Structures are given as structure tokens and as C-alpha cells.
Amino acid sequence: MTNTVYQAKAGDGFKRTGLKRRNSYFNTPQEAIVEALALKEKMDVIYNNEIQWDYQGKITGSFDKISFLKGYLRGDRRTKPFYLQILSLDSIEKSKLPSSSISKKMNSEDKKIFNKVIKLFR
């Protein structure tokens, strides 16, 4: 029997690499979104909060791969964007997956994008 699990992924537009935590699969999309926002905070720290996130941008992709937030270093849209994604994967294993708690540092814009993406999964 297959089970859908979710994984958070972030793309570093400057280094052109993807970020994700190893074995970070979640049972619910809410947990994956919280994880993606935690990766966003990590990138903000690395780049001294110089990434300007486009909270008004479109949510794109399919159910298997939703991109929901883009950011640009110093707001320069000519550069490769930073991004957050949620991947939906089929899992055959029945293992206990980690859970993540909603960050207390989540700002109002993060909460809005969180709610917007959750609506897509309903």
C-alpha cells in the first residue's frame, strides 16, 4: 500500500544548489510547508537578510511539485531566484516520520503564504 509523503525543498539562486534536510519526509503538507519556511529562515541568515521575497508571486506547479515563494538577492530580478517547493512522493514504507512544529518566528507574510499553500492541498 502506498502512502503520500511530502518533502520541503529550497533552491539557492546564488550558489545554484538545492537545500533540503536528509530524510525529511512528512505526513502532512502543513509540516512540509513549515519545514520549507525554516529553510527560508536559514537562507536569510546565510545572506544577512538580503533576499527580498516575493509574497505576491504566483504559486506554480502541479500537486507533485508546488513552487510557492521566490526571492531575489538584493531584489535584483535579473539573478537566478531563490525558491521554496513542496514535493509530493509516494512512499511504500510504513515508518514513523518526524513532525515539525510551527515556528514562533513566522512573520505575518509567512503565515499568509502558509495558509495560501494549505488551501491548494485541500
PDB file of N, CA and C in Angstrom:
ATOM      1  N   MET A   1       0.835  -1.180   0.000  1.00  0.00           N
ATOM      2  CA  MET A   1       0.000   0.000   0.000  1.00  0.00           C
ATOM      3  C   MET A   1       0.882   1.246   0.000  1.00  0.00           C
ATOM      4  N   THR A   2       0.570   2.185  -0.861  1.00  0.00           N
ATOM      5  CA  THR A   2       1.372   3.400  -0.933  1.00  0.00           C
ATOM      6  C   THR A   2       0.756   4.496  -0.080  1.00  0.00           C
ATOM      7  N   ASN A   3       1.595   5.370   0.331  1.00  0.00           N
ATOM      8  CA  ASN A   3       1.206   6.472   1.188  1.00  0.00           C
ATOM      9  C   ASN A   3       1.889   7.729   0.641  1.00  0.00           C
ATOM     10  N   THR A   4       1.199   8.841   0.596  1.00  0.00           N
ATOM     11  CA  THR A   4       1.808  10.080   0.116  1.00  0.00           C
ATOM     12  C   THR A   4       2.547  10.758   1.254  1.00  0.00           C
ATOM     13  N   VAL A   5       3.796  11.108   0.985  1.00  0.00           N
ATOM     14  CA  VAL A   5       4.599  11.870   1.937  1.00  0.00           C
ATOM     15  C   VAL A   5       5.035  13.152   1.239  1.00  0.00           C
ATOM     16  N   TYR A   6       5.429  14.116   2.020  1.00  0.00           N
ATOM     17  CA  TYR A   6       5.772  15.433   1.496  1.00  0.00           C
ATOM     18  C   TYR A   6       7.183  15.799   1.924  1.00  0.00           C
ATOM     19  N   GLN A   7       7.874  16.513   1.048  1.00  0.00           N
ATOM     20  CA  GLN A   7       9.226  16.950   1.351  1.00  0.00           C
ATOM     21  C   GLN A   7       9.371  18.421   0.985  1.00  0.00           C
ATOM     22  N   ALA A   8      10.044  19.158   1.840  1.00  0.00           N
ATOM     23  CA  ALA A   8      10.316  20.574   1.593  1.00  0.00           C
ATOM     24  C   ALA A   8      11.661  20.703   0.899  1.00  0.00           C
ATOM     25  N   LYS A   9      11.714  21.601  -0.056  1.00  0.00           N
ATOM     26  CA  LYS A   9      12.951  21.840  -0.779  1.00  0.00           C
ATOM     27  C   LYS A   9      13.088  23.336  -1.000  1.00  0.00           C
ATOM     28  N   ALA A  10      14.307  23.817  -0.912  1.00  0.00           N
ATOM     29  CA  ALA A  10      14.586  25.226  -1.173  1.00  0.00           C
ATOM     30  C   ALA A  10      15.722  25.307  -2.175  1.00  0.00           C
ATOM     31  N   GLY A  11      15.646  26.273  -3.056  1.00  0.00           N
ATOM     32  CA  GLY A  11      16.693  26.465  -4.048  1.00  0.00           C
ATOM     33  C   GLY A  11      17.467  27.733  -3.770  1.00  0.00           C
ATOM     34  N   ASP A  12      18.778  27.608  -3.791  1.00  0.00           N
ATOM     35  CA  ASP A  12      19.670  28.736  -3.571  1.00  0.00           C
ATOM     36  C   ASP A  12      20.057  29.301  -4.932  1.00  0.00           C
ATOM     37  N   GLY A  13      19.493  30.437  -5.286  1.00  0.00           N
ATOM     38  CA  GLY A  13      19.741  31.031  -6.587  1.00  0.00           C
ATOM     39  C   GLY A  13      21.163  31.525  -6.779  1.00  0.00           C
ATOM     40  N   PHE A  14      21.853  31.858  -5.706  1.00  0.00           N
ATOM     41  CA  PHE A  14      23.217  32.366  -5.817  1.00  0.00           C
ATOM     42  C   PHE A  14      24.197  31.222  -6.044  1.00  0.00           C
ATOM     43  N   LYS A  15      24.108  30.186  -5.222  1.00  0.00           N
ATOM     44  CA  LYS A  15      25.002  29.031  -5.356  1.00  0.00           C
ATOM     45  C   LYS A  15      24.485  28.028  -6.381  1.00  0.00           C
ATOM     46  N   ARG A  16      23.222  28.209  -6.792  1.00  0.00           N
ATOM     47  CA  ARG A  16      22.558  27.318  -7.749  1.00  0.00           C
ATOM     48  C   ARG A  16      22.540  25.874  -7.266  1.00  0.00           C
ATOM     49  N   THR A  17      22.185  25.712  -6.019  1.00  0.00           N
ATOM     50  CA  THR A  17      22.052  24.379  -5.438  1.00  0.00           C
ATOM     51  C   THR A  17      20.717  24.290  -4.716  1.00  0.00           C
ATOM     52  N   GLY A  18      20.275  23.067  -4.493  1.00  0.00           N
ATOM     53  CA  GLY A  18      19.051  22.839  -3.734  1.00  0.00           C
ATOM     54  C   GLY A  18      19.374  22.545  -2.283  1.00  0.00           C
ATOM     55  N   LEU A  19      18.490  22.947  -1.402  1.00  0.00           N
ATOM     56  CA  LEU A  19      18.652  22.678   0.022  1.00  0.00           C
ATOM     57  C   LEU A  19      17.495  21.816   0.499  1.00  0.00           C
ATOM     58  N   LYS A  20      17.802  20.794   1.244  1.00  0.00           N
ATOM     59  CA  LYS A  20      16.781  20.010   1.927  1.00  0.00           C
ATOM     60  C   LYS A  20      17.485  19.241   3.025  1.00  0.00           C
ATOM     61  N   ARG A  21      16.758  18.924   4.051  1.00  0.00           N
ATOM     62  CA  ARG A  21      17.350  18.139   5.124  1.00  0.00           C
ATOM     63  C   ARG A  21      17.235  16.668   4.769  1.00  0.00           C
ATOM     64  N   ARG A  22      18.229  15.916   5.103  1.00  0.00           N
ATOM     65  CA  ARG A  22      18.216  14.483   4.814  1.00  0.00           C
ATOM     66  C   ARG A  22      17.074  13.782   5.513  1.00  0.00           C
ATOM     67  N   ASN A  23      16.450  12.872   4.805  1.00  0.00           N
ATOM     68  CA  ASN A  23      15.354  12.065   5.352  1.00  0.00           C
ATOM     69  C   ASN A  23      14.269  12.926   5.994  1.00  0.00           C
ATOM     70  N   SER A  24      13.982  14.045   5.372  1.00  0.00           N
ATOM     71  CA  SER A  24      12.962  14.944   5.927  1.00  0.00           C
ATOM     72  C   SER A  24      11.663  14.797   5.141  1.00  0.00           C
ATOM     73  N   TYR A  25      10.973  13.705   5.389  1.00  0.00           N
ATOM     74  CA  TYR A  25       9.680  13.441   4.767  1.00  0.00           C
ATOM     75  C   TYR A  25       8.605  13.600   5.832  1.00  0.00           C
ATOM     76  N   PHE A  26       7.479  14.178   5.433  1.00  0.00           N
ATOM     77  CA  PHE A  26       6.433  14.480   6.400  1.00  0.00           C
ATOM     78  C   PHE A  26       5.107  13.889   5.961  1.00  0.00           C
ATOM     79  N   ASN A  27       4.247  13.618   6.939  1.00  0.00           N
ATOM     80  CA  ASN A  27       2.933  13.028   6.674  1.00  0.00           C
ATOM     81  C   ASN A  27       1.932  14.027   6.122  1.00  0.00           C
ATOM     82  N   THR A  28       2.089  15.291   6.458  1.00  0.00           N
ATOM     83  CA  THR A  28       1.117  16.300   6.034  1.00  0.00           C
ATOM     84  C   THR A  28       1.820  17.429   5.281  1.00  0.00           C
ATOM     85  N   PRO A  29       1.103  18.083   4.368  1.00  0.00           N
ATOM     86  CA  PRO A  29       1.705  19.222   3.673  1.00  0.00           C
ATOM     87  C   PRO A  29       1.996  20.390   4.613  1.00  0.00           C
ATOM     88  N   GLN A  30       1.207  20.523   5.683  1.00  0.00           N
ATOM     89  CA  GLN A  30       1.447  21.605   6.642  1.00  0.00           C
ATOM     90  C   GLN A  30       2.848  21.498   7.238  1.00  0.00           C
ATOM     91  N   GLU A  31       3.236  20.286   7.616  1.00  0.00           N
ATOM     92  CA  GLU A  31       4.564  20.086   8.201  1.00  0.00           C
ATOM     93  C   GLU A  31       5.656  20.397   7.185  1.00  0.00           C
ATOM     94  N   ALA A  32       5.432  20.031   5.927  1.00  0.00           N
ATOM     95  CA  ALA A  32       6.420  20.307   4.887  1.00  0.00           C
ATOM     96  C   ALA A  32       6.548  21.809   4.630  1.00  0.00           C
ATOM     97  N   ILE A  33       5.442  22.531   4.688  1.00  0.00           N
ATOM     98  CA  ILE A  33       5.490  23.981   4.481  1.00  0.00           C
ATOM     99  C   ILE A  33       6.256  24.650   5.614  1.00  0.00           C
ATOM    100  N   VAL A  34       6.016  24.199   6.833  1.00  0.00           N
ATOM    101  CA  VAL A  34       6.758  24.737   7.982  1.00  0.00           C
ATOM    102  C   VAL A  34       8.250  24.475   7.806  1.00  0.00           C
ATOM    103  N   GLU A  35       8.598  23.288   7.333  1.00  0.00           N
ATOM    104  CA  GLU A  35       9.996  22.949   7.080  1.00  0.00           C
ATOM    105  C   GLU A  35      10.575  23.854   5.993  1.00  0.00           C
ATOM    106  N   ALA A  36       9.819  24.108   4.927  1.00  0.00           N
ATOM    107  CA  ALA A  36      10.289  24.988   3.853  1.00  0.00           C
ATOM    108  C   ALA A  36      10.530  26.401   4.379  1.00  0.00           C
ATOM    109  N   LEU A  37       9.644  26.878   5.231  1.00  0.00           N
ATOM    110  CA  LEU A  37       9.827  28.212   5.806  1.00  0.00           C
ATOM    111  C   LEU A  37      11.035  28.250   6.744  1.00  0.00           C
ATOM    112  N   ALA A  38      11.345  27.127   7.392  1.00  0.00           N
ATOM    113  CA  ALA A  38      12.557  27.048   8.216  1.00  0.00           C
ATOM    114  C   ALA A  38      13.798  27.115   7.320  1.00  0.00           C
ATOM    115  N   LEU A  39      13.747  26.468   6.155  1.00  0.00           N
ATOM    116  CA  LEU A  39      14.860  26.562   5.205  1.00  0.00           C
ATOM    117  C   LEU A  39      15.005  28.000   4.691  1.00  0.00           C
ATOM    118  N   LYS A  40      13.880  28.690   4.523  1.00  0.00           N
ATOM    119  CA  LYS A  40      13.900  30.102   4.116  1.00  0.00           C
ATOM    120  C   LYS A  40      14.624  30.939   5.166  1.00  0.00           C
ATOM    121  N   GLU A  41      14.301  30.697   6.433  1.00  0.00           N
ATOM    122  CA  GLU A  41      14.969  31.425   7.516  1.00  0.00           C
ATOM    123  C   GLU A  41      16.469  31.155   7.504  1.00  0.00           C
ATOM    124  N   LYS A  42      16.843  29.905   7.219  1.00  0.00           N
ATOM    125  CA  LYS A  42      18.258  29.536   7.171  1.00  0.00           C
ATOM    126  C   LYS A  42      18.966  30.301   6.046  1.00  0.00           C
ATOM    127  N   MET A  43      18.311  30.397   4.873  1.00  0.00           N
ATOM    128  CA  MET A  43      18.908  31.155   3.767  1.00  0.00           C
ATOM    129  C   MET A  43      18.991  32.638   4.108  1.00  0.00           C
ATOM    130  N   ASP A  44      17.987  33.165   4.810  1.00  0.00           N
ATOM    131  CA  ASP A  44      18.020  34.570   5.219  1.00  0.00           C
ATOM    132  C   ASP A  44      19.219  34.848   6.122  1.00  0.00           C
ATOM    133  N   VAL A  45      19.524  33.923   7.012  1.00  0.00           N
ATOM    134  CA  VAL A  45      20.677  34.089   7.903  1.00  0.00           C
ATOM    135  C   VAL A  45      21.974  34.039   7.099  1.00  0.00           C
ATOM    136  N   ILE A  46      22.074  33.080   6.174  1.00  0.00           N
ATOM    137  CA  ILE A  46      23.289  32.939   5.362  1.00  0.00           C
ATOM    138  C   ILE A  46      23.559  34.211   4.563  1.00  0.00           C
ATOM    139  N   TYR A  47      22.520  34.817   4.021  1.00  0.00           N
ATOM    140  CA  TYR A  47      22.671  36.001   3.172  1.00  0.00           C
ATOM    141  C   TYR A  47      22.336  37.305   3.893  1.00  0.00           C
ATOM    142  N   ASN A  48      22.412  37.308   5.210  1.00  0.00           N
ATOM    143  CA  ASN A  48      22.224  38.511   6.032  1.00  0.00           C
ATOM    144  C   ASN A  48      20.933  39.260   5.699  1.00  0.00           C
ATOM    145  N   ASN A  49      19.859  38.535   5.510  1.00  0.00           N
ATOM    146  CA  ASN A  49      18.532  39.095   5.220  1.00  0.00           C
ATOM    147  C   ASN A  49      18.513  39.996   3.988  1.00  0.00           C
ATOM    148  N   GLU A  50      19.369  39.706   3.008  1.00  0.00           N
ATOM    149  CA  GLU A  50      19.396  40.491   1.773  1.00  0.00           C
ATOM    150  C   GLU A  50      18.520  39.890   0.679  1.00  0.00           C
ATOM    151  N   ILE A  51      17.847  38.787   0.953  1.00  0.00           N
ATOM    152  CA  ILE A  51      16.937  38.192  -0.020  1.00  0.00           C
ATOM    153  C   ILE A  51      15.589  38.884   0.130  1.00  0.00           C
ATOM    154  N   GLN A  52      15.088  39.414  -0.958  1.00  0.00           N
ATOM    155  CA  GLN A  52      13.766  40.038  -0.942  1.00  0.00           C
ATOM    156  C   GLN A  52      12.779  39.022  -1.503  1.00  0.00           C
ATOM    157  N   TRP A  53      11.866  38.561  -0.652  1.00  0.00           N
ATOM    158  CA  TRP A  53      10.909  37.521  -1.012  1.00  0.00           C
ATOM    159  C   TRP A  53       9.675  38.136  -1.644  1.00  0.00           C
ATOM    160  N   ASP A  54       9.204  37.526  -2.719  1.00  0.00           N
ATOM    161  CA  ASP A  54       8.028  37.997  -3.452  1.00  0.00           C
ATOM    162  C   ASP A  54       6.791  37.259  -2.943  1.00  0.00           C
ATOM    163  N   TYR A  55       6.167  37.801  -1.904  1.00  0.00           N
ATOM    164  CA  TYR A  55       4.999  37.160  -1.301  1.00  0.00           C
ATOM    165  C   TYR A  55       3.758  37.282  -2.185  1.00  0.00           C
ATOM    166  N   GLN A  56       3.776  38.190  -3.141  1.00  0.00           N
ATOM    167  CA  GLN A  56       2.628  38.372  -4.031  1.00  0.00           C
ATOM    168  C   GLN A  56       2.740  37.526  -5.295  1.00  0.00           C
ATOM    169  N   GLY A  57       3.833  36.792  -5.446  1.00  0.00           N
ATOM    170  CA  GLY A  57       4.049  35.988  -6.648  1.00  0.00           C
ATOM    171  C   GLY A  57       3.082  34.820  -6.758  1.00  0.00           C
ATOM    172  N   LYS A  58       3.050  34.233  -7.941  1.00  0.00           N
ATOM    173  CA  LYS A  58       2.145  33.121  -8.204  1.00  0.00           C
ATOM    174  C   LYS A  58       2.665  31.831  -7.588  1.00  0.00           C
ATOM    175  N   ILE A  59       1.726  30.979  -7.225  1.00  0.00           N
ATOM    176  CA  ILE A  59       2.048  29.620  -6.801  1.00  0.00           C
ATOM    177  C   ILE A  59       1.942  28.767  -8.053  1.00  0.00           C
ATOM    178  N   THR A  60       3.024  28.085  -8.407  1.00  0.00           N
ATOM    179  CA  THR A  60       3.057  27.347  -9.665  1.00  0.00           C
ATOM    180  C   THR A  60       3.357  25.877  -9.435  1.00  0.00           C
ATOM    181  N   GLY A  61       3.142  25.087 -10.477  1.00  0.00           N
ATOM    182  CA  GLY A  61       3.472  23.676 -10.442  1.00  0.00           C
ATOM    183  C   GLY A  61       2.241  22.801 -10.355  1.00  0.00           C
ATOM    184  N   SER A  62       2.491  21.518 -10.144  1.00  0.00           N
ATOM    185  CA  SER A  62       1.421  20.534 -10.020  1.00  0.00           C
ATOM    186  C   SER A  62       1.393  20.015  -8.591  1.00  0.00           C
ATOM    187  N   PHE A  63       0.484  19.096  -8.329  1.00  0.00           N
ATOM    188  CA  PHE A  63       0.386  18.516  -6.989  1.00  0.00           C
ATOM    189  C   PHE A  63       1.700  17.840  -6.589  1.00  0.00           C
ATOM    190  N   ASP A  64       2.421  17.293  -7.562  1.00  0.00           N
ATOM    191  CA  ASP A  64       3.679  16.604  -7.270  1.00  0.00           C
ATOM    192  C   ASP A  64       4.809  17.558  -6.901  1.00  0.00           C
ATOM    193  N   LYS A  65       4.742  18.793  -7.397  1.00  0.00           N
ATOM    194  CA  LYS A  65       5.840  19.738  -7.176  1.00  0.00           C
ATOM    195  C   LYS A  65       5.282  21.161  -7.217  1.00  0.00           C
ATOM    196  N   ILE A  66       5.024  21.719  -6.057  1.00  0.00           N
ATOM    197  CA  ILE A  66       4.464  23.070  -5.959  1.00  0.00           C
ATOM    198  C   ILE A  66       5.560  24.048  -5.542  1.00  0.00           C
ATOM    199  N   SER A  67       5.765  25.078  -6.352  1.00  0.00           N
ATOM    200  CA  SER A  67       6.681  26.165  -6.009  1.00  0.00           C
ATOM    201  C   SER A  67       5.831  27.320  -5.506  1.00  0.00           C
ATOM    202  N   PHE A  68       6.133  27.797  -4.297  1.00  0.00           N
ATOM    203  CA  PHE A  68       5.223  28.778  -3.718  1.00  0.00           C
ATOM    204  C   PHE A  68       5.837  30.071  -3.229  1.00  0.00           C
ATOM    205  N   LEU A  69       7.121  30.235  -3.292  1.00  0.00           N
ATOM    206  CA  LEU A  69       7.701  31.506  -2.856  1.00  0.00           C
ATOM    207  C   LEU A  69       9.046  31.686  -3.542  1.00  0.00           C
ATOM    208  N   LYS A  70       9.238  32.846  -4.158  1.00  0.00           N
ATOM    209  CA  LYS A  70      10.508  33.160  -4.803  1.00  0.00           C
ATOM    210  C   LYS A  70      11.110  34.382  -4.135  1.00  0.00           C
ATOM    211  N   GLY A  71      12.426  34.429  -4.164  1.00  0.00           N
ATOM    212  CA  GLY A  71      13.131  35.577  -3.628  1.00  0.00           C
ATOM    213  C   GLY A  71      14.328  35.901  -4.491  1.00  0.00           C
ATOM    214  N   TYR A  72      14.760  37.146  -4.426  1.00  0.00           N
ATOM    215  CA  TYR A  72      15.885  37.596  -5.236  1.00  0.00           C
ATOM    216  C   TYR A  72      16.886  38.304  -4.332  1.00  0.00           C
ATOM    217  N   LEU A  73      18.162  38.016  -4.551  1.00  0.00           N
ATOM    218  CA  LEU A  73      19.218  38.633  -3.758  1.00  0.00           C
ATOM    219  C   LEU A  73      19.243  40.130  -4.044  1.00  0.00           C
ATOM    220  N   ARG A  74      19.080  40.912  -2.997  1.00  0.00           N
ATOM    221  CA  ARG A  74      19.006  42.377  -3.067  1.00  0.00           C
ATOM    222  C   ARG A  74      17.897  42.858  -4.011  1.00  0.00           C
ATOM    223  N   GLY A  75      16.913  42.015  -4.275  1.00  0.00           N
ATOM    224  CA  GLY A  75      15.783  42.400  -5.116  1.00  0.00           C
ATOM    225  C   GLY A  75      16.075  42.440  -6.609  1.00  0.00           C
ATOM    226  N   ASP A  76      17.253  41.979  -7.024  1.00  0.00           N
ATOM    227  CA  ASP A  76      17.651  42.016  -8.433  1.00  0.00           C
ATOM    228  C   ASP A  76      17.013  40.847  -9.183  1.00  0.00           C
ATOM    229  N   ARG A  77      15.974  41.127  -9.954  1.00  0.00           N
ATOM    230  CA  ARG A  77      15.232  40.081 -10.664  1.00  0.00           C
ATOM    231  C   ARG A  77      15.986  39.523 -11.866  1.00  0.00           C
ATOM    232  N   ARG A  78      17.133  40.081 -12.194  1.00  0.00           N
ATOM    233  CA  ARG A  78      17.941  39.529 -13.285  1.00  0.00           C
ATOM    234  C   ARG A  78      18.756  38.327 -12.819  1.00  0.00           C
ATOM    235  N   THR A  79      18.837  38.124 -11.520  1.00  0.00           N
ATOM    236  CA  THR A  79      19.590  36.993 -10.982  1.00  0.00           C
ATOM    237  C   THR A  79      18.696  35.761 -10.897  1.00  0.00           C
ATOM    238  N   LYS A  80      19.301  34.610 -10.700  1.00  0.00           N
ATOM    239  CA  LYS A  80      18.536  33.376 -10.502  1.00  0.00           C
ATOM    240  C   LYS A  80      17.788  33.486  -9.176  1.00  0.00           C
ATOM    241  N   PRO A  81      16.518  33.084  -9.154  1.00  0.00           N
ATOM    242  CA  PRO A  81      15.733  33.236  -7.924  1.00  0.00           C
ATOM    243  C   PRO A  81      16.025  32.156  -6.891  1.00  0.00           C
ATOM    244  N   PHE A  82      15.806  32.510  -5.649  1.00  0.00           N
ATOM    245  CA  PHE A  82      15.724  31.550  -4.563  1.00  0.00           C
ATOM    246  C   PHE A  82      14.275  31.071  -4.584  1.00  0.00           C
ATOM    247  N   TYR A  83      14.008  29.856  -4.147  1.00  0.00           N
ATOM    248  CA  TYR A  83      12.625  29.383  -4.201  1.00  0.00           C
ATOM    249  C   TYR A  83      12.353  28.358  -3.110  1.00  0.00           C
ATOM    250  N   LEU A  84      11.078  28.171  -2.817  1.00  0.00           N
ATOM    251  CA  LEU A  84      10.619  27.142  -1.888  1.00  0.00           C
ATOM    252  C   LEU A  84       9.654  26.237  -2.638  1.00  0.00           C
ATOM    253  N   GLN A  85       9.777  24.922  -2.398  1.00  0.00           N
ATOM    254  CA  GLN A  85       8.920  23.937  -3.055  1.00  0.00           C
ATOM    255  C   GLN A  85       8.469  22.887  -2.063  1.00  0.00           C
ATOM    256  N   ILE A  86       7.324  22.283  -2.387  1.00  0.00           N
ATOM    257  CA  ILE A  86       6.844  21.104  -1.673  1.00  0.00           C
ATOM    258  C   ILE A  86       6.720  19.995  -2.702  1.00  0.00           C
ATOM    259  N   LEU A  87       7.388  18.882  -2.451  1.00  0.00           N
ATOM    260  CA  LEU A  87       7.314  17.718  -3.325  1.00  0.00           C
ATOM    261  C   LEU A  87       6.393  16.693  -2.694  1.00  0.00           C
ATOM    262  N   SER A  88       5.518  16.091  -3.495  1.00  0.00           N
ATOM    263  CA  SER A  88       4.643  15.008  -3.034  1.00  0.00           C
ATOM    264  C   SER A  88       5.184  13.713  -3.616  1.00  0.00           C
ATOM    265  N   LEU A  89       5.462  12.760  -2.742  1.00  0.00           N
ATOM    266  CA  LEU A  89       6.062  11.499  -3.163  1.00  0.00           C
ATOM    267  C   LEU A  89       5.248  10.329  -2.641  1.00  0.00           C
ATOM    268  N   ASP A  90       5.276   9.226  -3.383  1.00  0.00           N
ATOM    269  CA  ASP A  90       4.634   8.003  -2.912  1.00  0.00           C
ATOM    270  C   ASP A  90       5.634   7.216  -2.088  1.00  0.00           C
ATOM    271  N   SER A  91       5.214   6.797  -0.914  1.00  0.00           N
ATOM    272  CA  SER A  91       6.068   6.016  -0.024  1.00  0.00           C
ATOM    273  C   SER A  91       5.401   4.679   0.245  1.00  0.00           C
ATOM    274  N   ILE A  92       6.165   3.615   0.112  1.00  0.00           N
ATOM    275  CA  ILE A  92       5.634   2.282   0.381  1.00  0.00           C
ATOM    276  C   ILE A  92       5.871   1.908   1.839  1.00  0.00           C
ATOM    277  N   GLU A  93       6.913   2.467   2.412  1.00  0.00           N
ATOM    278  CA  GLU A  93       7.273   2.127   3.789  1.00  0.00           C
ATOM    279  C   GLU A  93       6.266   2.681   4.783  1.00  0.00           C
ATOM    280  N   LYS A  94       6.085   1.951   5.848  1.00  0.00           N
ATOM    281  CA  LYS A  94       5.257   2.438   6.957  1.00  0.00           C
ATOM    282  C   LYS A  94       6.197   2.737   8.113  1.00  0.00           C
ATOM    283  N   SER A  95       6.780   3.874   8.085  1.00  0.00           N
ATOM    284  CA  SER A  95       7.696   4.244   9.155  1.00  0.00           C
ATOM    285  C   SER A  95       7.208   5.526   9.798  1.00  0.00           C
ATOM    286  N   LYS A  96       7.655   5.742  11.005  1.00  0.00           N
ATOM    287  CA  LYS A  96       7.269   6.954  11.722  1.00  0.00           C
ATOM    288  C   LYS A  96       8.075   8.110  11.158  1.00  0.00           C
ATOM    289  N   LEU A  97       7.380   9.093  10.676  1.00  0.00           N
ATOM    290  CA  LEU A  97       8.030  10.259  10.095  1.00  0.00           C
ATOM    291  C   LEU A  97       8.116  11.369  11.131  1.00  0.00           C
ATOM    292  N   PRO A  98       9.143  12.199  11.030  1.00  0.00           N
ATOM    293  CA  PRO A  98       9.266  13.290  12.000  1.00  0.00           C
ATOM    294  C   PRO A  98       8.162  14.311  11.796  1.00  0.00           C
ATOM    295  N   SER A  99       7.845  15.012  12.850  1.00  0.00           N
ATOM    296  CA  SER A  99       6.877  16.098  12.725  1.00  0.00           C
ATOM    297  C   SER A  99       7.603  17.403  13.006  1.00  0.00           C
ATOM    298  N   SER A 100       7.088  18.467  12.457  1.00  0.00           N
ATOM    299  CA  SER A 100       7.694  19.764  12.728  1.00  0.00           C
ATOM    300  C   SER A 100       6.627  20.656  13.337  1.00  0.00           C
ATOM    301  N   SER A 101       7.063  21.550  14.178  1.00  0.00           N
ATOM    302  CA  SER A 101       6.107  22.451  14.816  1.00  0.00           C
ATOM    303  C   SER A 101       6.183  23.809  14.141  1.00  0.00           C
ATOM    304  N   ILE A 102       5.097  24.531  14.178  1.00  0.00           N
ATOM    305  CA  ILE A 102       5.053  25.842  13.545  1.00  0.00           C
ATOM    306  C   ILE A 102       5.978  26.790  14.300  1.00  0.00           C
ATOM    307  N   SER A 103       6.834  27.441  13.542  1.00  0.00           N
ATOM    308  CA  SER A 103       7.819  28.346  14.116  1.00  0.00           C
ATOM    309  C   SER A 103       7.135  29.540  14.766  1.00  0.00           C
ATOM    310  N   LYS A 104       7.604  29.903  15.933  1.00  0.00           N
ATOM    311  CA  LYS A 104       7.063  31.081  16.605  1.00  0.00           C
ATOM    312  C   LYS A 104       7.580  32.359  15.954  1.00  0.00           C
ATOM    313  N   LYS A 105       8.646  32.232  15.125  1.00  0.00           N
ATOM    314  CA  LYS A 105       9.217  33.384  14.460  1.00  0.00           C
ATOM    315  C   LYS A 105       8.536  33.684  13.131  1.00  0.00           C
ATOM    316  N   MET A 106       7.520  32.926  12.766  1.00  0.00           N
ATOM    317  CA  MET A 106       6.861  33.113  11.480  1.00  0.00           C
ATOM    318  C   MET A 106       6.198  34.492  11.441  1.00  0.00           C
ATOM    319  N   ASN A 107       6.590  35.299  10.452  1.00  0.00           N
ATOM    320  CA  ASN A 107       6.003  36.637  10.351  1.00  0.00           C
ATOM    321  C   ASN A 107       4.644  36.573   9.657  1.00  0.00           C
ATOM    322  N   SER A 108       3.975  37.688   9.576  1.00  0.00           N
ATOM    323  CA  SER A 108       2.614  37.703   9.023  1.00  0.00           C
ATOM    324  C   SER A 108       2.600  37.313   7.549  1.00  0.00           C
ATOM    325  N   GLU A 109       3.623  37.700   6.788  1.00  0.00           N
ATOM    326  CA  GLU A 109       3.688  37.326   5.372  1.00  0.00           C
ATOM    327  C   GLU A 109       3.875  35.818   5.227  1.00  0.00           C
ATOM    328  N   ASP A 110       4.709  35.215   6.094  1.00  0.00           N
ATOM    329  CA  ASP A 110       4.901  33.764   6.067  1.00  0.00           C
ATOM    330  C   ASP A 110       3.598  33.045   6.395  1.00  0.00           C
ATOM    331  N   LYS A 111       2.851  33.576   7.356  1.00  0.00           N
ATOM    332  CA  LYS A 111       1.572  32.959   7.724  1.00  0.00           C
ATOM    333  C   LYS A 111       0.579  33.023   6.573  1.00  0.00           C
ATOM    334  N   LYS A 112       0.578  34.138   5.834  1.00  0.00           N
ATOM    335  CA  LYS A 112      -0.324  34.272   4.688  1.00  0.00           C
ATOM    336  C   LYS A 112       0.014  33.250   3.611  1.00  0.00           C
ATOM    337  N   ILE A 113       1.305  33.109   3.294  1.00  0.00           N
ATOM    338  CA  ILE A 113       1.700  32.158   2.255  1.00  0.00           C
ATOM    339  C   ILE A 113       1.452  30.734   2.732  1.00  0.00           C
ATOM    340  N   PHE A 114       1.639  30.471   4.019  1.00  0.00           N
ATOM    341  CA  PHE A 114       1.347  29.159   4.607  1.00  0.00           C
ATOM    342  C   PHE A 114      -0.118  28.807   4.354  1.00  0.00           C
ATOM    343  N   ASN A 115      -1.022  29.715   4.685  1.00  0.00           N
ATOM    344  CA  ASN A 115      -2.458  29.465   4.508  1.00  0.00           C
ATOM    345  C   ASN A 115      -2.840  29.332   3.036  1.00  0.00           C
ATOM    346  N   LYS A 116      -2.202  30.112   2.185  1.00  0.00           N
ATOM    347  CA  LYS A 116      -2.491  30.061   0.754  1.00  0.00           C
ATOM    348  C   LYS A 116      -2.111  28.694   0.168  1.00  0.00           C
ATOM    349  N   VAL A 117      -0.952  28.174   0.557  1.00  0.00           N
ATOM    350  CA  VAL A 117      -0.498  26.877   0.036  1.00  0.00           C
ATOM    351  C   VAL A 117      -1.328  25.741   0.615  1.00  0.00           C
ATOM    352  N   ILE A 118      -1.710  25.837   1.882  1.00  0.00           N
ATOM    353  CA  ILE A 118      -2.536  24.797   2.508  1.00  0.00           C
ATOM    354  C   ILE A 118      -3.854  24.644   1.757  1.00  0.00           C
ATOM    355  N   LYS A 119      -4.427  25.749   1.309  1.00  0.00           N
ATOM    356  CA  LYS A 119      -5.697  25.690   0.571  1.00  0.00           C
ATOM    357  C   LYS A 119      -5.565  24.866  -0.704  1.00  0.00           C
ATOM    358  N   LEU A 120      -4.387  24.865  -1.315  1.00  0.00           N
ATOM    359  CA  LEU A 120      -4.188  24.085  -2.537  1.00  0.00           C
ATOM    360  C   LEU A 120      -4.230  22.581  -2.275  1.00  0.00           C
ATOM    361  N   PHE A 121      -3.844  22.177  -1.090  1.00  0.00           N
ATOM    362  CA  PHE A 121      -3.816  20.753  -0.764  1.00  0.00           C
ATOM    363  C   PHE A 121      -5.168  20.235  -0.296  1.00  0.00           C
ATOM    364  N   ARG A 122      -6.126  21.104  -0.069  1.00  0.00           N
ATOM    365  CA  ARG A 122      -7.445  20.667   0.399  1.00  0.00           C
ATOM    366  C   ARG A 122      -8.343  20.307  -0.738  1.00  0.00           C
TER     367      ARG A 122
END
